[in-house]
PDB file of N, CA and C in Angstrom:
ATOM      1  N   MET A   1     -23.703   0.497 -28.631  1.00  0.00           N
ATOM      2  CA  MET A   1     -23.694  -0.242 -27.380  1.00  0.00           C
ATOM      3  C   MET A   1     -22.276  -0.325 -26.802  1.00  0.00           C
ATOM      4  N   ALA A   2     -21.303  -0.648 -27.650  1.00  0.00           N
ATOM      5  CA  ALA A   2     -19.922  -0.766 -27.181  1.00  0.00           C
ATOM      6  C   ALA A   2     -19.399   0.563 -26.657  1.00  0.00           C
ATOM      7  N   LEU A   3     -19.800   1.665 -27.290  1.00  0.00           N
ATOM      8  CA  LEU A   3     -19.369   2.988 -26.847  1.00  0.00           C
ATOM      9  C   LEU A   3     -19.901   3.293 -25.451  1.00  0.00           C
ATOM     10  N   LYS A   4     -21.158   2.906 -25.194  1.00  0.00           N
ATOM     11  CA  LYS A   4     -21.768   3.150 -23.886  1.00  0.00           C
ATOM     12  C   LYS A   4     -21.040   2.363 -22.790  1.00  0.00           C
ATOM     13  N   ILE A   5     -20.708   1.113 -23.061  1.00  0.00           N
ATOM     14  CA  ILE A   5     -19.998   0.277 -22.088  1.00  0.00           C
ATOM     15  C   ILE A   5     -18.608   0.846 -21.830  1.00  0.00           C
ATOM     16  N   THR A   6     -17.920   1.282 -22.873  1.00  0.00           N
ATOM     17  CA  THR A   6     -16.592   1.865 -22.724  1.00  0.00           C
ATOM     18  C   THR A   6     -16.643   3.126 -21.871  1.00  0.00           C
ATOM     19  N   THR A   7     -17.643   3.957 -22.081  1.00  0.00           N
ATOM     20  CA  THR A   7     -17.809   5.176 -21.295  1.00  0.00           C
ATOM     21  C   THR A   7     -18.075   4.843 -19.836  1.00  0.00           C
ATOM     22  N   GLN A   8     -18.912   3.855 -19.594  1.00  0.00           N
ATOM     23  CA  GLN A   8     -19.206   3.443 -18.221  1.00  0.00           C
ATOM     24  C   GLN A   8     -17.958   2.885 -17.538  1.00  0.00           C
ATOM     25  N   THR A   9     -17.192   2.104 -18.278  1.00  0.00           N
ATOM     26  CA  THR A   9     -15.963   1.537 -17.733  1.00  0.00           C
ATOM     27  C   THR A   9     -14.983   2.640 -17.359  1.00  0.00           C
ATOM     28  N   ALA A  10     -14.840   3.627 -18.224  1.00  0.00           N
ATOM     29  CA  ALA A  10     -13.934   4.744 -17.942  1.00  0.00           C
ATOM     30  C   ALA A  10     -14.388   5.509 -16.700  1.00  0.00           C
ATOM     31  N   ALA A  11     -15.688   5.716 -16.568  1.00  0.00           N
ATOM     32  CA  ALA A  11     -16.220   6.426 -15.402  1.00  0.00           C
ATOM     33  C   ALA A  11     -15.968   5.635 -14.121  1.00  0.00           C
ATOM     34  N   LEU A  12     -16.167   4.325 -14.180  1.00  0.00           N
ATOM     35  CA  LEU A  12     -15.914   3.480 -13.004  1.00  0.00           C
ATOM     36  C   LEU A  12     -14.439   3.506 -12.609  1.00  0.00           C
ATOM     37  N   LYS A  13     -13.558   3.492 -13.601  1.00  0.00           N
ATOM     38  CA  LYS A  13     -12.122   3.552 -13.308  1.00  0.00           C
ATOM     39  C   LYS A  13     -11.768   4.858 -12.605  1.00  0.00           C
ATOM     40  N   GLN A  14     -12.377   5.964 -13.047  1.00  0.00           N
ATOM     41  CA  GLN A  14     -12.136   7.262 -12.408  1.00  0.00           C
ATOM     42  C   GLN A  14     -12.580   7.242 -10.945  1.00  0.00           C
ATOM     43  N   ILE A  15     -13.756   6.685 -10.709  1.00  0.00           N
ATOM     44  CA  ILE A  15     -14.287   6.612  -9.341  1.00  0.00           C
ATOM     45  C   ILE A  15     -13.380   5.759  -8.459  1.00  0.00           C
ATOM     46  N   LEU A  16     -12.962   4.599  -8.966  1.00  0.00           N
ATOM     47  CA  LEU A  16     -12.086   3.717  -8.195  1.00  0.00           C
ATOM     48  C   LEU A  16     -10.750   4.389  -7.899  1.00  0.00           C
ATOM     49  N   LYS A  17     -10.236   5.119  -8.871  1.00  0.00           N
ATOM     50  CA  LYS A  17      -8.968   5.808  -8.667  1.00  0.00           C
ATOM     51  C   LYS A  17      -9.095   6.851  -7.559  1.00  0.00           C
ATOM     52  N   LYS A  18     -10.184   7.601  -7.565  1.00  0.00           N
ATOM     53  CA  LYS A  18     -10.399   8.609  -6.525  1.00  0.00           C
ATOM     54  C   LYS A  18     -10.564   7.956  -5.160  1.00  0.00           C
ATOM     55  N   CYS A  19     -11.314   6.865  -5.101  1.00  0.00           N
ATOM     56  CA  CYS A  19     -11.542   6.182  -3.818  1.00  0.00           C
ATOM     57  C   CYS A  19     -10.257   5.576  -3.276  1.00  0.00           C
ATOM     58  N   SER A  20      -9.448   5.010  -4.148  1.00  0.00           N
ATOM     59  CA  SER A  20      -8.232   4.362  -3.671  1.00  0.00           C
ATOM     60  C   SER A  20      -7.200   5.370  -3.200  1.00  0.00           C
ATOM     61  N   SER A  21      -7.297   6.618  -3.649  1.00  0.00           N
ATOM     62  CA  SER A  21      -6.346   7.624  -3.194  1.00  0.00           C
ATOM     63  C   SER A  21      -6.892   8.462  -2.044  1.00  0.00           C
ATOM     64  N   PHE A  22      -8.126   8.195  -1.619  1.00  0.00           N
ATOM     65  CA  PHE A  22      -8.723   8.944  -0.517  1.00  0.00           C
ATOM     66  C   PHE A  22      -7.906   8.731   0.748  1.00  0.00           C
ATOM     67  N   GLY A  23      -7.541   9.819   1.413  1.00  0.00           N
ATOM     68  CA  GLY A  23      -6.772   9.725   2.651  1.00  0.00           C
ATOM     69  C   GLY A  23      -5.298   9.462   2.442  1.00  0.00           C
ATOM     70  N   LYS A  24      -4.820   9.669   1.216  1.00  0.00           N
ATOM     71  CA  LYS A  24      -3.410   9.448   0.924  1.00  0.00           C
ATOM     72  C   LYS A  24      -2.819  10.714   0.327  1.00  0.00           C
ATOM     73  N   ASN A  25      -1.509  10.867   0.479  1.00  0.00           N
ATOM     74  CA  ASN A  25      -0.853  12.029  -0.102  1.00  0.00           C
ATOM     75  C   ASN A  25      -0.450  11.740  -1.541  1.00  0.00           C
ATOM     76  N   GLU A  26       0.277  12.666  -2.162  1.00  0.00           N
ATOM     77  CA  GLU A  26       0.629  12.509  -3.575  1.00  0.00           C
ATOM     78  C   GLU A  26       1.566  11.335  -3.832  1.00  0.00           C
ATOM     79  N   ASN A  27       2.250  10.833  -2.793  1.00  0.00           N
ATOM     80  CA  ASN A  27       3.120   9.667  -2.944  1.00  0.00           C
ATOM     81  C   ASN A  27       2.363   8.354  -2.781  1.00  0.00           C
ATOM     82  N   GLY A  28       1.071   8.436  -2.490  1.00  0.00           N
ATOM     83  CA  GLY A  28       0.275   7.233  -2.280  1.00  0.00           C
ATOM     84  C   GLY A  28       0.341   6.702  -0.859  1.00  0.00           C
ATOM     85  N   LEU A  29       0.975   7.444   0.040  1.00  0.00           N
ATOM     86  CA  LEU A  29       1.085   7.014   1.433  1.00  0.00           C
ATOM     87  C   LEU A  29      -0.056   7.593   2.248  1.00  0.00           C
ATOM     88  N   PRO A  30      -0.515   6.877   3.267  1.00  0.00           N
ATOM     89  CA  PRO A  30      -1.589   7.411   4.114  1.00  0.00           C
ATOM     90  C   PRO A  30      -1.173   8.729   4.762  1.00  0.00           C
ATOM     91  N   ASN A  31      -2.111   9.646   4.886  1.00  0.00           N
ATOM     92  CA  ASN A  31      -1.829  10.968   5.456  1.00  0.00           C
ATOM     93  C   ASN A  31      -1.419  10.923   6.922  1.00  0.00           C
ATOM     94  N   ASP A  32      -1.859   9.925   7.666  1.00  0.00           N
ATOM     95  CA  ASP A  32      -1.584   9.890   9.102  1.00  0.00           C
ATOM     96  C   ASP A  32      -0.289   9.172   9.471  1.00  0.00           C
ATOM     97  N   VAL A  33       0.505   8.764   8.483  1.00  0.00           N
ATOM     98  CA  VAL A  33       1.756   8.062   8.767  1.00  0.00           C
ATOM     99  C   VAL A  33       2.918   9.035   8.585  1.00  0.00           C
ATOM    100  N   PRO A  34       3.575   9.414   9.694  1.00  0.00           N
ATOM    101  CA  PRO A  34       4.680  10.369   9.579  1.00  0.00           C
ATOM    102  C   PRO A  34       5.891   9.754   8.881  1.00  0.00           C
ATOM    103  N   LYS A  35       6.726  10.610   8.366  1.00  0.00           N
ATOM    104  CA  LYS A  35       7.956  10.168   7.723  1.00  0.00           C
ATOM    105  C   LYS A  35       8.773   9.354   8.726  1.00  0.00           C
ATOM    106  N   GLY A  36       9.358   8.256   8.255  1.00  0.00           N
ATOM    107  CA  GLY A  36      10.153   7.409   9.135  1.00  0.00           C
ATOM    108  C   GLY A  36       9.340   6.373   9.887  1.00  0.00           C
ATOM    109  N   HIS A  37       8.083   6.209   9.518  1.00  0.00           N
ATOM    110  CA  HIS A  37       7.192   5.243  10.158  1.00  0.00           C
ATOM    111  C   HIS A  37       6.473   4.418   9.097  1.00  0.00           C
ATOM    112  N   PHE A  38       5.880   3.317   9.519  1.00  0.00           N
ATOM    113  CA  PHE A  38       5.083   2.503   8.614  1.00  0.00           C
ATOM    114  C   PHE A  38       3.953   1.842   9.391  1.00  0.00           C
ATOM    115  N   VAL A  39       3.008   1.305   8.660  1.00  0.00           N
ATOM    116  CA  VAL A  39       1.818   0.702   9.260  1.00  0.00           C
ATOM    117  C   VAL A  39       1.967  -0.811   9.289  1.00  0.00           C
ATOM    118  N   VAL A  40       1.577  -1.406  10.412  1.00  0.00           N
ATOM    119  CA  VAL A  40       1.446  -2.859  10.507  1.00  0.00           C
ATOM    120  C   VAL A  40       0.056  -3.170  11.047  1.00  0.00           C
ATOM    121  N   TYR A  41      -0.441  -4.331  10.690  1.00  0.00           N
ATOM    122  CA  TYR A  41      -1.730  -4.809  11.181  1.00  0.00           C
ATOM    123  C   TYR A  41      -1.450  -6.016  12.058  1.00  0.00           C
ATOM    124  N   VAL A  42      -2.043  -6.027  13.251  1.00  0.00           N
ATOM    125  CA  VAL A  42      -1.677  -7.019  14.261  1.00  0.00           C
ATOM    126  C   VAL A  42      -2.894  -7.791  14.742  1.00  0.00           C
ATOM    127  N   GLY A  43      -2.698  -9.099  14.909  1.00  0.00           N
ATOM    128  CA  GLY A  43      -3.711  -9.944  15.529  1.00  0.00           C
ATOM    129  C   GLY A  43      -4.854 -10.334  14.616  1.00  0.00           C
ATOM    130  N   LYS A  44      -5.782 -11.081  15.196  1.00  0.00           N
ATOM    131  CA  LYS A  44      -6.935 -11.584  14.438  1.00  0.00           C
ATOM    132  C   LYS A  44      -7.816 -10.461  13.916  1.00  0.00           C
ATOM    133  N   ASN A  45      -7.906  -9.374  14.675  1.00  0.00           N
ATOM    134  CA  ASN A  45      -8.740  -8.243  14.253  1.00  0.00           C
ATOM    135  C   ASN A  45      -8.005  -7.283  13.329  1.00  0.00           C
ATOM    136  N   ARG A  46      -6.731  -7.553  13.077  1.00  0.00           N
ATOM    137  CA  ARG A  46      -5.895  -6.704  12.223  1.00  0.00           C
ATOM    138  C   ARG A  46      -5.928  -5.246  12.687  1.00  0.00           C
ATOM    139  N   SER A  47      -5.672  -5.033  13.971  1.00  0.00           N
ATOM    140  CA  SER A  47      -5.599  -3.675  14.514  1.00  0.00           C
ATOM    141  C   SER A  47      -4.412  -2.958  13.879  1.00  0.00           C
ATOM    142  N   ARG A  48      -4.602  -1.695  13.560  1.00  0.00           N
ATOM    143  CA  ARG A  48      -3.608  -0.913  12.824  1.00  0.00           C
ATOM    144  C   ARG A  48      -2.697  -0.161  13.791  1.00  0.00           C
ATOM    145  N   TYR A  49      -1.376  -0.320  13.588  1.00  0.00           N
ATOM    146  CA  TYR A  49      -0.373   0.377  14.388  1.00  0.00           C
ATOM    147  C   TYR A  49       0.594   1.097  13.458  1.00  0.00           C
ATOM    148  N   ILE A  50       1.000   2.284  13.867  1.00  0.00           N
ATOM    149  CA  ILE A  50       2.014   3.044  13.143  1.00  0.00           C
ATOM    150  C   ILE A  50       3.277   2.978  13.989  1.00  0.00           C
ATOM    151  N   ILE A  51       4.341   2.396  13.414  1.00  0.00           N
ATOM    152  CA  ILE A  51       5.572   2.219  14.182  1.00  0.00           C
ATOM    153  C   ILE A  51       6.768   2.778  13.407  1.00  0.00           C
ATOM    154  N   SER A  52       7.828   3.057  14.129  1.00  0.00           N
ATOM    155  CA  SER A  52       9.046   3.619  13.550  1.00  0.00           C
ATOM    156  C   SER A  52       9.774   2.577  12.700  1.00  0.00           C
ATOM    157  N   ILE A  53      10.442   3.047  11.651  1.00  0.00           N
ATOM    158  CA  ILE A  53      11.213   2.117  10.823  1.00  0.00           C
ATOM    159  C   ILE A  53      12.388   1.525  11.592  1.00  0.00           C
ATOM    160  N   SER A  54      12.748   2.110  12.727  1.00  0.00           N
ATOM    161  CA  SER A  54      13.833   1.550  13.538  1.00  0.00           C
ATOM    162  C   SER A  54      13.500   0.134  14.006  1.00  0.00           C
ATOM    163  N   TRP A  55      12.223  -0.209  14.043  1.00  0.00           N
ATOM    164  CA  TRP A  55      11.815  -1.564  14.438  1.00  0.00           C
ATOM    165  C   TRP A  55      12.287  -2.618  13.443  1.00  0.00           C
ATOM    166  N   LEU A  56      12.580  -2.223  12.227  1.00  0.00           N
ATOM    167  CA  LEU A  56      13.007  -3.189  11.212  1.00  0.00           C
ATOM    168  C   LEU A  56      14.329  -3.861  11.565  1.00  0.00           C
ATOM    169  N   THR A  57      15.123  -3.247  12.424  1.00  0.00           N
ATOM    170  CA  THR A  57      16.404  -3.836  12.827  1.00  0.00           C
ATOM    171  C   THR A  57      16.332  -4.561  14.167  1.00  0.00           C
ATOM    172  N   HIS A  58      15.198  -4.524  14.813  1.00  0.00           N
ATOM    173  CA  HIS A  58      15.041  -5.170  16.121  1.00  0.00           C
ATOM    174  C   HIS A  58      14.876  -6.683  15.919  1.00  0.00           C
ATOM    175  N   PRO A  59      15.696  -7.522  16.587  1.00  0.00           N
ATOM    176  CA  PRO A  59      15.651  -8.973  16.368  1.00  0.00           C
ATOM    177  C   PRO A  59      14.273  -9.608  16.610  1.00  0.00           C
ATOM    178  N   ARG A  60      13.579  -9.206  17.664  1.00  0.00           N
ATOM    179  CA  ARG A  60      12.265  -9.818  17.938  1.00  0.00           C
ATOM    180  C   ARG A  60      11.250  -9.422  16.875  1.00  0.00           C
ATOM    181  N   PHE A  61      11.321  -8.186  16.395  1.00  0.00           N
ATOM    182  CA  PHE A  61      10.410  -7.755  15.338  1.00  0.00           C
ATOM    183  C   PHE A  61      10.743  -8.475  14.034  1.00  0.00           C
ATOM    184  N   GLN A  62      12.020  -8.692  13.767  1.00  0.00           N
ATOM    185  CA  GLN A  62      12.418  -9.432  12.571  1.00  0.00           C
ATOM    186  C   GLN A  62      11.869 -10.855  12.592  1.00  0.00           C
ATOM    187  N   ARG A  63      11.850 -11.472  13.773  1.00  0.00           N
ATOM    188  CA  ARG A  63      11.264 -12.821  13.882  1.00  0.00           C
ATOM    189  C   ARG A  63       9.767 -12.786  13.569  1.00  0.00           C
ATOM    190  N   LEU A  64       9.090 -11.726  14.031  1.00  0.00           N
ATOM    191  CA  LEU A  64       7.664 -11.589  13.705  1.00  0.00           C
ATOM    192  C   LEU A  64       7.458 -11.425  12.203  1.00  0.00           C
ATOM    193  N   LEU A  65       8.338 -10.676  11.552  1.00  0.00           N
ATOM    194  CA  LEU A  65       8.243 -10.510  10.098  1.00  0.00           C
ATOM    195  C   LEU A  65       8.479 -11.835   9.372  1.00  0.00           C
ATOM    196  N   GLN A  66       9.403 -12.648   9.891  1.00  0.00           N
ATOM    197  CA  GLN A  66       9.643 -13.965   9.296  1.00  0.00           C
ATOM    198  C   GLN A  66       8.404 -14.846   9.422  1.00  0.00           C
ATOM    199  N   ARG A  67       7.759 -14.793  10.589  1.00  0.00           N
ATOM    200  CA  ARG A  67       6.511 -15.552  10.772  1.00  0.00           C
ATOM    201  C   ARG A  67       5.440 -15.065   9.805  1.00  0.00           C
ATOM    202  N   ALA A  68       5.375 -13.748   9.614  1.00  0.00           N
ATOM    203  CA  ALA A  68       4.395 -13.179   8.688  1.00  0.00           C
ATOM    204  C   ALA A  68       4.653 -13.671   7.271  1.00  0.00           C
ATOM    205  N   GLU A  69       5.919 -13.716   6.880  1.00  0.00           N
ATOM    206  CA  GLU A  69       6.259 -14.207   5.545  1.00  0.00           C
ATOM    207  C   GLU A  69       5.850 -15.668   5.382  1.00  0.00           C
ATOM    208  N   GLU A  70       6.133 -16.483   6.399  1.00  0.00           N
ATOM    209  CA  GLU A  70       5.780 -17.900   6.338  1.00  0.00           C
ATOM    210  C   GLU A  70       4.271 -18.099   6.257  1.00  0.00           C
ATOM    211  N   GLU A  71       3.539 -17.297   7.014  1.00  0.00           N
ATOM    212  CA  GLU A  71       2.085 -17.465   7.075  1.00  0.00           C
ATOM    213  C   GLU A  71       1.352 -16.849   5.886  1.00  0.00           C
ATOM    214  N   PHE A  72       1.771 -15.661   5.467  1.00  0.00           N
ATOM    215  CA  PHE A  72       1.028 -14.930   4.445  1.00  0.00           C
ATOM    216  C   PHE A  72       1.763 -14.783   3.120  1.00  0.00           C
ATOM    217  N   GLY A  73       3.084 -14.915   3.105  1.00  0.00           N
ATOM    218  CA  GLY A  73       3.858 -14.627   1.905  1.00  0.00           C
ATOM    219  C   GLY A  73       4.010 -13.125   1.731  1.00  0.00           C
ATOM    220  N   PHE A  74       4.603 -12.726   0.619  1.00  0.00           N
ATOM    221  CA  PHE A  74       4.842 -11.308   0.386  1.00  0.00           C
ATOM    222  C   PHE A  74       3.729 -10.628  -0.390  1.00  0.00           C
ATOM    223  N   ASN A  75       3.055 -11.332  -1.257  1.00  0.00           N
ATOM    224  CA  ASN A  75       2.088 -10.708  -2.163  1.00  0.00           C
ATOM    225  C   ASN A  75       0.653 -11.055  -1.813  1.00  0.00           C
ATOM    226  N   HIS A  76       0.246 -10.784  -0.583  1.00  0.00           N
ATOM    227  CA  HIS A  76      -1.118 -11.114  -0.194  1.00  0.00           C
ATOM    228  C   HIS A  76      -2.034  -9.906  -0.227  1.00  0.00           C
ATOM    229  N   GLY A  77      -1.499  -8.709  -0.458  1.00  0.00           N
ATOM    230  CA  GLY A  77      -2.307  -7.511  -0.620  1.00  0.00           C
ATOM    231  C   GLY A  77      -3.007  -7.007   0.629  1.00  0.00           C
ATOM    232  N   MET A  78      -2.544  -7.410   1.797  1.00  0.00           N
ATOM    233  CA  MET A  78      -3.206  -7.014   3.043  1.00  0.00           C
ATOM    234  C   MET A  78      -2.336  -6.089   3.885  1.00  0.00           C
ATOM    235  N   GLY A  79      -1.293  -5.514   3.335  1.00  0.00           N
ATOM    236  CA  GLY A  79      -0.378  -4.723   4.139  1.00  0.00           C
ATOM    237  C   GLY A  79       0.472  -5.645   4.995  1.00  0.00           C
ATOM    238  N   ILE A  80       1.357  -5.087   5.777  1.00  0.00           N
ATOM    239  CA  ILE A  80       2.205  -5.902   6.646  1.00  0.00           C
ATOM    240  C   ILE A  80       1.354  -6.361   7.821  1.00  0.00           C
ATOM    241  N   THR A  81       1.082  -7.653   7.839  1.00  0.00           N
ATOM    242  CA  THR A  81       0.226  -8.233   8.869  1.00  0.00           C
ATOM    243  C   THR A  81       1.084  -9.088   9.791  1.00  0.00           C
ATOM    244  N   ILE A  82       1.067  -8.761  11.073  1.00  0.00           N
ATOM    245  CA  ILE A  82       1.883  -9.463  12.062  1.00  0.00           C
ATOM    246  C   ILE A  82       1.024 -10.533  12.737  1.00  0.00           C
ATOM    247  N   PRO A  83       1.408 -11.816  12.586  1.00  0.00           N
ATOM    248  CA  PRO A  83       0.601 -12.903  13.143  1.00  0.00           C
ATOM    249  C   PRO A  83       0.942 -13.191  14.601  1.00  0.00           C
ATOM    250  N   CYS A  84       0.557 -12.286  15.477  1.00  0.00           N
ATOM    251  CA  CYS A  84       0.749 -12.535  16.903  1.00  0.00           C
ATOM    252  C   CYS A  84      -0.391 -11.873  17.660  1.00  0.00           C
ATOM    253  N   ASP A  85      -0.511 -12.246  18.907  1.00  0.00           N
ATOM    254  CA  ASP A  85      -1.533 -11.661  19.758  1.00  0.00           C
ATOM    255  C   ASP A  85      -1.267 -10.163  19.927  1.00  0.00           C
ATOM    256  N   GLU A  86      -2.318  -9.375  19.876  1.00  0.00           N
ATOM    257  CA  GLU A  86      -2.180  -7.925  19.982  1.00  0.00           C
ATOM    258  C   GLU A  86      -1.556  -7.507  21.318  1.00  0.00           C
ATOM    259  N   TYR A  87      -1.923  -8.190  22.382  1.00  0.00           N
ATOM    260  CA  TYR A  87      -1.361  -7.891  23.708  1.00  0.00           C
ATOM    261  C   TYR A  87       0.157  -8.093  23.703  1.00  0.00           C
ATOM    262  N   ASP A  88       0.614  -9.209  23.109  1.00  0.00           N
ATOM    263  CA  ASP A  88       2.049  -9.488  23.041  1.00  0.00           C
ATOM    264  C   ASP A  88       2.780  -8.428  22.220  1.00  0.00           C
ATOM    265  N   PHE A  89       2.167  -8.009  21.121  1.00  0.00           N
ATOM    266  CA  PHE A  89       2.774  -6.979  20.280  1.00  0.00           C
ATOM    267  C   PHE A  89       2.910  -5.664  21.054  1.00  0.00           C
ATOM    268  N   CYS A  90       1.862  -5.279  21.751  1.00  0.00           N
ATOM    269  CA  CYS A  90       1.896  -4.040  22.549  1.00  0.00           C
ATOM    270  C   CYS A  90       2.953  -4.126  23.642  1.00  0.00           C
ATOM    271  N   SER A  91       3.106  -5.305  24.242  1.00  0.00           N
ATOM    272  CA  SER A  91       4.137  -5.496  25.268  1.00  0.00           C
ATOM    273  C   SER A  91       5.526  -5.303  24.668  1.00  0.00           C
ATOM    274  N   LEU A  92       5.754  -5.878  23.509  1.00  0.00           N
ATOM    275  CA  LEU A  92       7.042  -5.736  22.828  1.00  0.00           C
ATOM    276  C   LEU A  92       7.335  -4.270  22.531  1.00  0.00           C
ATOM    277  N   ILE A  93       6.370  -3.583  21.979  1.00  0.00           N
ATOM    278  CA  ILE A  93       6.551  -2.176  21.610  1.00  0.00           C
ATOM    279  C   ILE A  93       6.800  -1.314  22.852  1.00  0.00           C
ATOM    280  N   SER A  94       6.023  -1.541  23.903  1.00  0.00           N
ATOM    281  CA  SER A  94       6.163  -0.699  25.100  1.00  0.00           C
ATOM    282  C   SER A  94       7.465  -0.980  25.851  1.00  0.00           C
ATOM    283  N   GLN A  95       7.915  -2.231  25.877  1.00  0.00           N
ATOM    284  CA  GLN A  95       9.160  -2.578  26.566  1.00  0.00           C
ATOM    285  C   GLN A  95      10.358  -1.922  25.902  1.00  0.00           C
ATOM    286  N   ASN A  96      10.318  -1.818  24.599  1.00  0.00           N
ATOM    287  CA  ASN A  96      11.475  -1.326  23.863  1.00  0.00           C
ATOM    288  C   ASN A  96      11.360   0.134  23.460  1.00  0.00           C
ATOM    289  N   SER A  97      10.312   0.793  23.889  1.00  0.00           N
ATOM    290  CA  SER A  97      10.161   2.215  23.583  1.00  0.00           C
ATOM    291  C   SER A  97      10.902   3.086  24.581  1.00  0.00           C
ATOM    292  N   ASN A  98      11.258   2.503  25.703  1.00  0.00           N
ATOM    293  CA  ASN A  98      11.915   3.275  26.772  1.00  0.00           C
ATOM    294  C   ASN A  98      13.404   3.399  26.537  1.00  0.00           C
TER     295      ASN A  98
END
């Protein structure tokens, strides 16, 4: 009986490993995120945005990251989640992209 459970557990671990790496490259990063960019999730619906790492030095974006830390902490397992209205986030990104 114990051997059967161990075999099933090993098989489940294999399946989970394959599923968790689906759509990711060998470094574990999503395939659709170009080098020099990262993913953030914005708003109540957690819409996904791919933005340049240059945003990490932008003062307004840094304030959003501070709010995210206060609201969610660092180890919440949900990716970088920005707690602001999606419209406001898009306005910030579009104003500073020019």
